Protein backbone atom coordinates (compact mmCIF):
# COMPACT_ATOMS: atom_id res chain seq x y z
CA MET A 1 0.00 0.00 0.00
CA THR A 2 1.14 3.52 -0.68
CA ARG A 3 1.32 6.12 2.06
CA TYR A 4 -1.84 7.74 0.67
CA GLU A 5 -3.72 4.43 0.75
CA ARG A 6 -2.57 3.69 4.32
CA GLU A 7 -3.53 7.12 5.59
CA LEU A 8 -6.89 7.11 3.80
CA SER A 9 -7.57 3.62 5.13
CA GLN A 10 -6.78 4.75 8.68
CA LYS A 11 -8.90 7.91 8.43
CA ILE A 12 -11.86 5.97 7.09
CA ALA A 13 -11.47 3.24 9.73
CA ASP A 14 -11.32 5.87 12.50
CA ARG A 15 -14.35 7.75 11.26
CA TYR A 16 -16.57 4.99 9.83
CA GLY A 17 -15.25 1.74 11.31
CA ARG A 18 -18.46 1.07 13.29
CA LEU A 19 -20.68 0.98 10.17
CA SER A 20 -21.98 -2.22 8.59
CA ALA A 21 -20.60 -3.16 5.18
CA LYS A 22 -23.69 -1.76 3.40
CA GLU A 23 -23.61 1.47 5.38
CA PHE A 24 -19.88 1.80 4.80
CA LEU A 25 -20.18 1.37 1.04
CA SER A 26 -23.07 3.82 0.97
CA LYS A 27 -20.94 6.34 2.87
CA LEU A 28 -18.05 5.92 0.40
CA PHE A 29 -20.43 6.66 -2.49
CA GLU A 30 -21.84 9.62 -0.58
CA ILE A 31 -18.45 11.23 0.04
CA GLY A 32 -17.45 10.61 -3.57
CA VAL A 33 -14.37 8.41 -3.19
CA VAL A 34 -15.78 5.43 -5.08
CA ASP A 35 -16.31 5.53 -8.84
CA TYR A 36 -19.99 4.61 -9.24
CA THR A 37 -19.64 3.97 -12.99
CA ARG A 38 -16.91 1.40 -12.45
CA CYS A 39 -18.95 -0.23 -9.68
CA LYS A 40 -21.90 -0.57 -12.05
CA ALA A 41 -19.62 -2.12 -14.67
CA LEU A 42 -18.26 -4.53 -12.05
CA ILE A 43 -21.68 -5.77 -11.00
CA VAL A 44 -22.80 -6.18 -14.62
CA ARG A 45 -19.63 -8.18 -15.38
CA GLU A 46 -20.19 -10.36 -12.32
CA TYR A 47 -23.83 -10.96 -13.26
CA VAL A 48 -22.87 -11.97 -16.80
CA ASP A 49 -20.16 -14.33 -15.47
CA GLU A 50 -22.64 -15.96 -13.07
CA THR A 51 -25.19 -16.35 -15.87
CA ILE A 52 -22.58 -18.00 -18.09
CA LYS A 53 -21.68 -20.41 -15.27
CA LYS A 54 -25.34 -21.44 -15.16
CA GLY A 55 -25.00 -22.69 -18.75
CA ASN A 56 -25.96 -19.72 -20.90
CA LYS A 57 -23.84 -18.60 -23.83
CA LYS A 58 -22.05 -15.27 -23.45
CA ILE A 59 -24.27 -13.27 -25.79
CA ASP A 60 -27.40 -14.72 -24.19
CA ALA A 61 -26.01 -13.89 -20.75
CA MET A 62 -25.41 -10.33 -21.89
CA TRP A 63 -29.01 -10.00 -23.13
CA ILE A 64 -30.27 -11.44 -19.84
CA ALA A 65 -28.14 -8.89 -17.94
CA ALA A 66 -29.54 -6.04 -20.03
CA GLU A 67 -33.06 -7.14 -19.14
CA HIS A 68 -32.17 -7.67 -15.48
CA PHE A 69 -30.59 -4.23 -15.03
CA GLY A 70 -33.01 -2.40 -17.33
CA CYS A 71 -30.26 -1.10 -19.56
CA SER A 72 -29.28 -1.49 -23.17
CA TYR A 73 -27.39 -4.45 -24.58
CA GLU A 74 -24.79 -1.93 -25.76
CA TYR A 75 -24.20 -0.80 -22.16
CA VAL A 76 -23.67 -4.42 -21.06
CA ARG A 77 -21.37 -4.93 -24.02
CA LYS A 78 -19.35 -1.87 -22.97
CA CYS A 79 -19.09 -3.24 -19.42
CA ILE A 80 -17.80 -6.55 -20.72
CA TYR A 81 -15.38 -5.39 -23.41
CA TYR A 82 -14.35 -1.87 -22.33
CA TYR A 83 -13.86 -2.37 -18.58
CA LYS A 84 -11.55 -5.38 -18.78
CA ASP A 85 -9.54 -4.42 -15.70
CA ILE A 86 -12.48 -4.68 -13.26
CA HIS A 87 -12.84 -7.91 -11.28
CA LEU A 88 -13.84 -9.00 -7.78
């Protein structure tokens, strides 16, 4: 970890350490230190991967994700092919 990461981690732990995981994530979004767009791409990618593991083909899984999230197929496609560096 860099010095910045360590200090930010300590400040956040001191201030918000008592929050539940959901509350903590919500607080990070609220204070603007988490990139919401990348988080959306991450969850779409994870959903598509899970759908593929259930036996669907990739394109079908992408269509299913578009329906599930109420977004366009093109948005799901962007999440899959543009945001390649995002993984859990």
